[in-house]
Amino acid sequence: MQQAKSQFCAVAEHAVGGKPQVVTKHGRPFVVIVGAEDWKNARPGKKTLLEALRACPVDLSDLDLTRSKELPRPLSL
């Protein structure tokens, strides 16, 4: 960690160059530094609810999605 702090510019340059940098703390992996473009490409894109439901491995064809026609219960304040 101390070495990464003192040479942060070089660590960042390597990460931007497509070489992820593993930073250790007390001899154990602590964080990985990657370039912004690599991070952006590695993240899955956001799906709409419809896309997520269509990708569901469970058969949802029997799911009742109709709305209730009942009125809400009375509320006393």
PDB file of N, CA and C in Angstrom:
ATOM      1  N   MET A   1       0.829  -1.183   0.000  1.00  0.00           N
ATOM      2  CA  MET A   1       0.000   0.000   0.000  1.00  0.00           C
ATOM      3  C   MET A   1       0.883   1.259   0.000  1.00  0.00           C
ATOM      4  N   GLN A   2       1.933   1.238   0.809  1.00  0.00           N
ATOM      5  CA  GLN A   2       2.815   2.404   0.871  1.00  0.00           C
ATOM      6  C   GLN A   2       3.477   2.661  -0.480  1.00  0.00           C
ATOM      7  N   GLN A   3       3.897   1.598  -1.144  1.00  0.00           N
ATOM      8  CA  GLN A   3       4.543   1.744  -2.450  1.00  0.00           C
ATOM      9  C   GLN A   3       3.552   2.289  -3.476  1.00  0.00           C
ATOM     10  N   ALA A   4       2.305   1.796  -3.427  1.00  0.00           N
ATOM     11  CA  ALA A   4       1.278   2.287  -4.353  1.00  0.00           C
ATOM     12  C   ALA A   4       0.995   3.761  -4.116  1.00  0.00           C
ATOM     13  N   LYS A   5       0.988   4.160  -2.843  1.00  0.00           N
ATOM     14  CA  LYS A   5       0.765   5.577  -2.516  1.00  0.00           C
ATOM     15  C   LYS A   5       1.875   6.447  -3.085  1.00  0.00           C
ATOM     16  N   SER A   6       3.109   6.004  -2.877  1.00  0.00           N
ATOM     17  CA  SER A   6       4.234   6.836  -3.303  1.00  0.00           C
ATOM     18  C   SER A   6       4.410   6.852  -4.820  1.00  0.00           C
ATOM     19  N   GLN A   7       3.889   5.828  -5.512  1.00  0.00           N
ATOM     20  CA  GLN A   7       4.037   5.758  -6.967  1.00  0.00           C
ATOM     21  C   GLN A   7       2.664   5.700  -7.639  1.00  0.00           C
ATOM     22  N   PHE A   8       1.706   6.421  -7.090  1.00  0.00           N
ATOM     23  CA  PHE A   8       0.335   6.328  -7.591  1.00  0.00           C
ATOM     24  C   PHE A   8       0.233   6.672  -9.071  1.00  0.00           C
ATOM     25  N   CYS A   9       0.946   7.657  -9.521  1.00  0.00           N
ATOM     26  CA  CYS A   9       0.882   8.057 -10.928  1.00  0.00           C
ATOM     27  C   CYS A   9       1.302   6.895 -11.826  1.00  0.00           C
ATOM     28  N   ALA A  10       2.367   6.203 -11.480  1.00  0.00           N
ATOM     29  CA  ALA A  10       2.843   5.065 -12.286  1.00  0.00           C
ATOM     30  C   ALA A  10       1.842   3.914 -12.229  1.00  0.00           C
ATOM     31  N   VAL A  11       1.281   3.660 -11.051  1.00  0.00           N
ATOM     32  CA  VAL A  11       0.282   2.594 -10.896  1.00  0.00           C
ATOM     33  C   VAL A  11      -0.931   2.896 -11.771  1.00  0.00           C
ATOM     34  N   ALA A  12      -1.382   4.146 -11.743  1.00  0.00           N
ATOM     35  CA  ALA A  12      -2.539   4.552 -12.543  1.00  0.00           C
ATOM     36  C   ALA A  12      -2.238   4.440 -14.037  1.00  0.00           C
ATOM     37  N   GLU A  13      -1.050   4.820 -14.450  1.00  0.00           N
ATOM     38  CA  GLU A  13      -0.675   4.727 -15.865  1.00  0.00           C
ATOM     39  C   GLU A  13      -0.688   3.272 -16.347  1.00  0.00           C
ATOM     40  N   HIS A  14      -0.184   2.361 -15.527  1.00  0.00           N
ATOM     41  CA  HIS A  14      -0.212   0.942 -15.887  1.00  0.00           C
ATOM     42  C   HIS A  14      -1.659   0.455 -16.000  1.00  0.00           C
ATOM     43  N   ALA A  15      -2.501   0.890 -15.076  1.00  0.00           N
ATOM     44  CA  ALA A  15      -3.912   0.469 -15.086  1.00  0.00           C
ATOM     45  C   ALA A  15      -4.610   0.966 -16.346  1.00  0.00           C
ATOM     46  N   VAL A  16      -4.359   2.197 -16.730  1.00  0.00           N
ATOM     47  CA  VAL A  16      -4.956   2.755 -17.941  1.00  0.00           C
ATOM     48  C   VAL A  16      -4.426   2.044 -19.173  1.00  0.00           C
ATOM     49  N   GLY A  17      -3.208   1.551 -19.098  1.00  0.00           N
ATOM     50  CA  GLY A  17      -2.598   0.820 -20.210  1.00  0.00           C
ATOM     51  C   GLY A  17      -3.118  -0.604 -20.359  1.00  0.00           C
ATOM     52  N   GLY A  18      -4.136  -0.957 -19.602  1.00  0.00           N
ATOM     53  CA  GLY A  18      -4.734  -2.282 -19.739  1.00  0.00           C
ATOM     54  C   GLY A  18      -4.135  -3.329 -18.822  1.00  0.00           C
ATOM     55  N   LYS A  19      -3.335  -2.900 -17.853  1.00  0.00           N
ATOM     56  CA  LYS A  19      -2.726  -3.828 -16.901  1.00  0.00           C
ATOM     57  C   LYS A  19      -3.285  -3.539 -15.508  1.00  0.00           C
ATOM     58  N   PRO A  20      -4.325  -4.274 -15.070  1.00  0.00           N
ATOM     59  CA  PRO A  20      -4.870  -4.047 -13.726  1.00  0.00           C
ATOM     60  C   PRO A  20      -3.774  -4.160 -12.666  1.00  0.00           C
ATOM     61  N   GLN A  21      -3.819  -3.297 -11.688  1.00  0.00           N
ATOM     62  CA  GLN A  21      -2.807  -3.251 -10.640  1.00  0.00           C
ATOM     63  C   GLN A  21      -3.403  -3.731  -9.322  1.00  0.00           C
ATOM     64  N   VAL A  22      -2.856  -4.803  -8.773  1.00  0.00           N
ATOM     65  CA  VAL A  22      -3.303  -5.326  -7.487  1.00  0.00           C
ATOM     66  C   VAL A  22      -2.471  -4.659  -6.404  1.00  0.00           C
ATOM     67  N   VAL A  23      -3.154  -4.004  -5.469  1.00  0.00           N
ATOM     68  CA  VAL A  23      -2.484  -3.344  -4.356  1.00  0.00           C
ATOM     69  C   VAL A  23      -2.704  -4.216  -3.127  1.00  0.00           C
ATOM     70  N   THR A  24      -1.625  -4.520  -2.426  1.00  0.00           N
ATOM     71  CA  THR A  24      -1.723  -5.367  -1.244  1.00  0.00           C
ATOM     72  C   THR A  24      -1.595  -4.542   0.024  1.00  0.00           C
ATOM     73  N   LYS A  25      -2.155  -5.078   1.091  1.00  0.00           N
ATOM     74  CA  LYS A  25      -2.048  -4.460   2.409  1.00  0.00           C
ATOM     75  C   LYS A  25      -1.681  -5.591   3.363  1.00  0.00           C
ATOM     76  N   HIS A  26      -0.567  -5.459   4.025  1.00  0.00           N
ATOM     77  CA  HIS A  26      -0.053  -6.503   4.914  1.00  0.00           C
ATOM     78  C   HIS A  26       0.128  -7.821   4.168  1.00  0.00           C
ATOM     79  N   GLY A  27       0.564  -7.734   2.905  1.00  0.00           N
ATOM     80  CA  GLY A  27       0.852  -8.919   2.113  1.00  0.00           C
ATOM     81  C   GLY A  27      -0.355  -9.603   1.492  1.00  0.00           C
ATOM     82  N   ARG A  28      -1.538  -9.038   1.671  1.00  0.00           N
ATOM     83  CA  ARG A  28      -2.761  -9.633   1.107  1.00  0.00           C
ATOM     84  C   ARG A  28      -3.386  -8.665   0.100  1.00  0.00           C
ATOM     85  N   PRO A  29      -4.000  -9.214  -0.974  1.00  0.00           N
ATOM     86  CA  PRO A  29      -4.672  -8.335  -1.943  1.00  0.00           C
ATOM     87  C   PRO A  29      -5.704  -7.453  -1.241  1.00  0.00           C
ATOM     88  N   PHE A  30      -5.663  -6.170  -1.557  1.00  0.00           N
ATOM     89  CA  PHE A  30      -6.536  -5.196  -0.894  1.00  0.00           C
ATOM     90  C   PHE A  30      -7.500  -4.555  -1.886  1.00  0.00           C
ATOM     91  N   VAL A  31      -6.978  -4.024  -2.983  1.00  0.00           N
ATOM     92  CA  VAL A  31      -7.794  -3.420  -4.039  1.00  0.00           C
ATOM     93  C   VAL A  31      -7.150  -3.704  -5.389  1.00  0.00           C
ATOM     94  N   VAL A  32      -7.945  -3.566  -6.433  1.00  0.00           N
ATOM     95  CA  VAL A  32      -7.432  -3.673  -7.795  1.00  0.00           C
ATOM     96  C   VAL A  32      -7.744  -2.351  -8.486  1.00  0.00           C
ATOM     97  N   ILE A  33      -6.755  -1.779  -9.095  1.00  0.00           N
ATOM     98  CA  ILE A  33      -6.924  -0.516  -9.813  1.00  0.00           C
ATOM     99  C   ILE A  33      -6.959  -0.834 -11.303  1.00  0.00           C
ATOM    100  N   VAL A  34      -8.034  -0.410 -11.957  1.00  0.00           N
ATOM    101  CA  VAL A  34      -8.174  -0.607 -13.406  1.00  0.00           C
ATOM    102  C   VAL A  34      -8.501   0.733 -14.042  1.00  0.00           C
ATOM    103  N   GLY A  35      -8.259   0.818 -15.330  1.00  0.00           N
ATOM    104  CA  GLY A  35      -8.583   2.032 -16.065  1.00  0.00           C
ATOM    105  C   GLY A  35     -10.095   2.218 -16.151  1.00  0.00           C
ATOM    106  N   ALA A  36     -10.536   3.455 -16.287  1.00  0.00           N
ATOM    107  CA  ALA A  36     -11.964   3.770 -16.337  1.00  0.00           C
ATOM    108  C   ALA A  36     -12.660   3.067 -17.498  1.00  0.00           C
ATOM    109  N   GLU A  37     -11.995   2.993 -18.639  1.00  0.00           N
ATOM    110  CA  GLU A  37     -12.607   2.345 -19.810  1.00  0.00           C
ATOM    111  C   GLU A  37     -12.780   0.844 -19.564  1.00  0.00           C
ATOM    112  N   ASP A  38     -11.778   0.223 -18.951  1.00  0.00           N
ATOM    113  CA  ASP A  38     -11.889  -1.206 -18.620  1.00  0.00           C
ATOM    114  C   ASP A  38     -13.017  -1.443 -17.621  1.00  0.00           C
ATOM    115  N   TRP A  39     -13.137  -0.570 -16.645  1.00  0.00           N
ATOM    116  CA  TRP A  39     -14.201  -0.688 -15.638  1.00  0.00           C
ATOM    117  C   TRP A  39     -15.573  -0.556 -16.300  1.00  0.00           C
ATOM    118  N   LYS A  40     -15.693   0.404 -17.172  1.00  0.00           N
ATOM    119  CA  LYS A  40     -16.960   0.635 -17.867  1.00  0.00           C
ATOM    120  C   LYS A  40     -17.350  -0.583 -18.710  1.00  0.00           C
ATOM    121  N   ASN A  41     -16.381  -1.162 -19.408  1.00  0.00           N
ATOM    122  CA  ASN A  41     -16.654  -2.324 -20.255  1.00  0.00           C
ATOM    123  C   ASN A  41     -16.933  -3.590 -19.453  1.00  0.00           C
ATOM    124  N   ALA A  42     -16.408  -3.681 -18.241  1.00  0.00           N
ATOM    125  CA  ALA A  42     -16.578  -4.882 -17.420  1.00  0.00           C
ATOM    126  C   ALA A  42     -17.927  -4.912 -16.713  1.00  0.00           C
ATOM    127  N   ARG A  43     -18.529  -3.755 -16.523  1.00  0.00           N
ATOM    128  CA  ARG A  43     -19.808  -3.702 -15.797  1.00  0.00           C
ATOM    129  C   ARG A  43     -20.946  -4.117 -16.718  1.00  0.00           C
ATOM    130  N   PRO A  44     -21.850  -4.936 -16.203  1.00  0.00           N
ATOM    131  CA  PRO A  44     -22.998  -5.313 -17.035  1.00  0.00           C
ATOM    132  C   PRO A  44     -23.912  -4.107 -17.258  1.00  0.00           C
ATOM    133  N   GLY A  45     -24.520  -4.044 -18.434  1.00  0.00           N
ATOM    134  CA  GLY A  45     -25.437  -2.942 -18.719  1.00  0.00           C
ATOM    135  C   GLY A  45     -26.712  -3.086 -17.919  1.00  0.00           C
ATOM    136  N   LYS A  46     -27.363  -1.979 -17.685  1.00  0.00           N
ATOM    137  CA  LYS A  46     -28.615  -2.014 -16.931  1.00  0.00           C
ATOM    138  C   LYS A  46     -29.718  -2.572 -17.818  1.00  0.00           C
ATOM    139  N   LYS A  47     -30.562  -3.415 -17.229  1.00  0.00           N
ATOM    140  CA  LYS A  47     -31.682  -3.994 -17.952  1.00  0.00           C
ATOM    141  C   LYS A  47     -32.972  -3.352 -17.477  1.00  0.00           C
ATOM    142  N   THR A  48     -33.934  -3.313 -18.374  1.00  0.00           N
ATOM    143  CA  THR A  48     -35.257  -2.866 -17.973  1.00  0.00           C
ATOM    144  C   THR A  48     -35.927  -4.015 -17.226  1.00  0.00           C
ATOM    145  N   LEU A  49     -37.004  -3.729 -16.513  1.00  0.00           N
ATOM    146  CA  LEU A  49     -37.731  -4.768 -15.796  1.00  0.00           C
ATOM    147  C   LEU A  49     -38.213  -5.842 -16.766  1.00  0.00           C
ATOM    148  N   LEU A  50     -38.716  -5.421 -17.920  1.00  0.00           N
ATOM    149  CA  LEU A  50     -39.203  -6.379 -18.908  1.00  0.00           C
ATOM    150  C   LEU A  50     -38.076  -7.304 -19.382  1.00  0.00           C
ATOM    151  N   GLU A  51     -36.896  -6.756 -19.641  1.00  0.00           N
ATOM    152  CA  GLU A  51     -35.760  -7.572 -20.064  1.00  0.00           C
ATOM    153  C   GLU A  51     -35.354  -8.557 -18.971  1.00  0.00           C
ATOM    154  N   ALA A  52     -35.383  -8.107 -17.713  1.00  0.00           N
ATOM    155  CA  ALA A  52     -35.034  -8.989 -16.599  1.00  0.00           C
ATOM    156  C   ALA A  52     -36.046 -10.116 -16.462  1.00  0.00           C
ATOM    157  N   LEU A  53     -37.326  -9.810 -16.621  1.00  0.00           N
ATOM    158  CA  LEU A  53     -38.353 -10.848 -16.524  1.00  0.00           C
ATOM    159  C   LEU A  53     -38.238 -11.839 -17.677  1.00  0.00           C
ATOM    160  N   ARG A  54     -37.943 -11.343 -18.860  1.00  0.00           N
ATOM    161  CA  ARG A  54     -37.788 -12.236 -20.011  1.00  0.00           C
ATOM    162  C   ARG A  54     -36.570 -13.141 -19.864  1.00  0.00           C
ATOM    163  N   ALA A  55     -35.541 -12.674 -19.171  1.00  0.00           N
ATOM    164  CA  ALA A  55     -34.331 -13.462 -18.979  1.00  0.00           C
ATOM    165  C   ALA A  55     -34.453 -14.445 -17.811  1.00  0.00           C
ATOM    166  N   CYS A  56     -35.539 -14.375 -17.069  1.00  0.00           N
ATOM    167  CA  CYS A  56     -35.737 -15.238 -15.902  1.00  0.00           C
ATOM    168  C   CYS A  56     -35.825 -16.698 -16.344  1.00  0.00           C
ATOM    169  N   PRO A  57     -35.064 -17.586 -15.689  1.00  0.00           N
ATOM    170  CA  PRO A  57     -35.103 -18.990 -16.086  1.00  0.00           C
ATOM    171  C   PRO A  57     -36.379 -19.724 -15.655  1.00  0.00           C
ATOM    172  N   VAL A  58     -37.180 -19.109 -14.792  1.00  0.00           N
ATOM    173  CA  VAL A  58     -38.418 -19.724 -14.317  1.00  0.00           C
ATOM    174  C   VAL A  58     -39.554 -19.347 -15.258  1.00  0.00           C
ATOM    175  N   ASP A  59     -40.465 -20.283 -15.516  1.00  0.00           N
ATOM    176  CA  ASP A  59     -41.615 -20.015 -16.388  1.00  0.00           C
ATOM    177  C   ASP A  59     -42.583 -19.089 -15.650  1.00  0.00           C
ATOM    178  N   LEU A  60     -42.741 -17.881 -16.154  1.00  0.00           N
ATOM    179  CA  LEU A  60     -43.612 -16.887 -15.515  1.00  0.00           C
ATOM    180  C   LEU A  60     -44.961 -16.771 -16.211  1.00  0.00           C
ATOM    181  N   SER A  61     -45.265 -17.683 -17.116  1.00  0.00           N
ATOM    182  CA  SER A  61     -46.506 -17.567 -17.881  1.00  0.00           C
ATOM    183  C   SER A  61     -47.747 -17.734 -17.008  1.00  0.00           C
ATOM    184  N   ASP A  62     -47.635 -18.410 -15.863  1.00  0.00           N
ATOM    185  CA  ASP A  62     -48.786 -18.585 -14.976  1.00  0.00           C
ATOM    186  C   ASP A  62     -48.912 -17.465 -13.951  1.00  0.00           C
ATOM    187  N   LEU A  63     -48.043 -16.510 -14.004  1.00  0.00           N
ATOM    188  CA  LEU A  63     -48.061 -15.410 -13.046  1.00  0.00           C
ATOM    189  C   LEU A  63     -49.240 -14.492 -13.327  1.00  0.00           C
ATOM    190  N   ASP A  64     -50.075 -14.244 -12.297  1.00  0.00           N
ATOM    191  CA  ASP A  64     -51.257 -13.388 -12.446  1.00  0.00           C
ATOM    192  C   ASP A  64     -50.832 -11.934 -12.257  1.00  0.00           C
ATOM    193  N   LEU A  65     -50.859 -11.154 -13.318  1.00  0.00           N
ATOM    194  CA  LEU A  65     -50.446  -9.756 -13.266  1.00  0.00           C
ATOM    195  C   LEU A  65     -51.617  -8.781 -13.373  1.00  0.00           C
ATOM    196  N   THR A  66     -52.838  -9.280 -13.184  1.00  0.00           N
ATOM    197  CA  THR A  66     -54.008  -8.398 -13.261  1.00  0.00           C
ATOM    198  C   THR A  66     -54.139  -7.607 -11.965  1.00  0.00           C
ATOM    199  N   ARG A  67     -54.686  -6.414 -12.086  1.00  0.00           N
ATOM    200  CA  ARG A  67     -54.862  -5.560 -10.921  1.00  0.00           C
ATOM    201  C   ARG A  67     -56.208  -5.833 -10.273  1.00  0.00           C
ATOM    202  N   SER A  68     -56.251  -5.695  -8.983  1.00  0.00           N
ATOM    203  CA  SER A  68     -57.487  -5.883  -8.237  1.00  0.00           C
ATOM    204  C   SER A  68     -58.432  -4.716  -8.518  1.00  0.00           C
ATOM    205  N   LYS A  69     -59.736  -5.014  -8.639  1.00  0.00           N
ATOM    206  CA  LYS A  69     -60.743  -3.978  -8.885  1.00  0.00           C
ATOM    207  C   LYS A  69     -61.356  -3.494  -7.566  1.00  0.00           C
ATOM    208  N   GLU A  70     -60.948  -4.093  -6.457  1.00  0.00           N
ATOM    209  CA  GLU A  70     -61.487  -3.706  -5.162  1.00  0.00           C
ATOM    210  C   GLU A  70     -61.042  -2.298  -4.773  1.00  0.00           C
ATOM    211  N   LEU A  71     -61.917  -1.608  -4.071  1.00  0.00           N
ATOM    212  CA  LEU A  71     -61.576  -0.285  -3.547  1.00  0.00           C
ATOM    213  C   LEU A  71     -60.732  -0.454  -2.302  1.00  0.00           C
ATOM    214  N   PRO A  72     -59.939   0.542  -1.975  1.00  0.00           N
ATOM    215  CA  PRO A  72     -59.128   0.428  -0.762  1.00  0.00           C
ATOM    216  C   PRO A  72     -60.022   0.439   0.482  1.00  0.00           C
ATOM    217  N   ARG A  73     -59.537  -0.124   1.557  1.00  0.00           N
ATOM    218  CA  ARG A  73     -60.326  -0.145   2.790  1.00  0.00           C
ATOM    219  C   ARG A  73     -60.416   1.262   3.367  1.00  0.00           C
ATOM    220  N   PRO A  74     -61.486   1.558   4.096  1.00  0.00           N
ATOM    221  CA  PRO A  74     -61.632   2.896   4.696  1.00  0.00           C
ATOM    222  C   PRO A  74     -60.550   3.145   5.743  1.00  0.00           C
ATOM    223  N   LEU A  75     -60.125   4.375   5.823  1.00  0.00           N
ATOM    224  CA  LEU A  75     -59.072   4.741   6.748  1.00  0.00           C
ATOM    225  C   LEU A  75     -59.572   5.852   7.644  1.00  0.00           C
ATOM    226  N   SER A  76     -59.461   5.666   8.941  1.00  0.00           N
ATOM    227  CA  SER A  76     -59.882   6.729   9.859  1.00  0.00           C
ATOM    228  C   SER A  76     -58.643   7.368  10.449  1.00  0.00           C
ATOM    229  N   LEU A  77     -58.607   8.677  10.420  1.00  0.00           N
ATOM    230  CA  LEU A  77     -57.442   9.402  10.935  1.00  0.00           C
ATOM    231  C   LEU A  77     -57.739  10.031  12.258  1.00  0.00           C
TER     232      LEU A  77
END
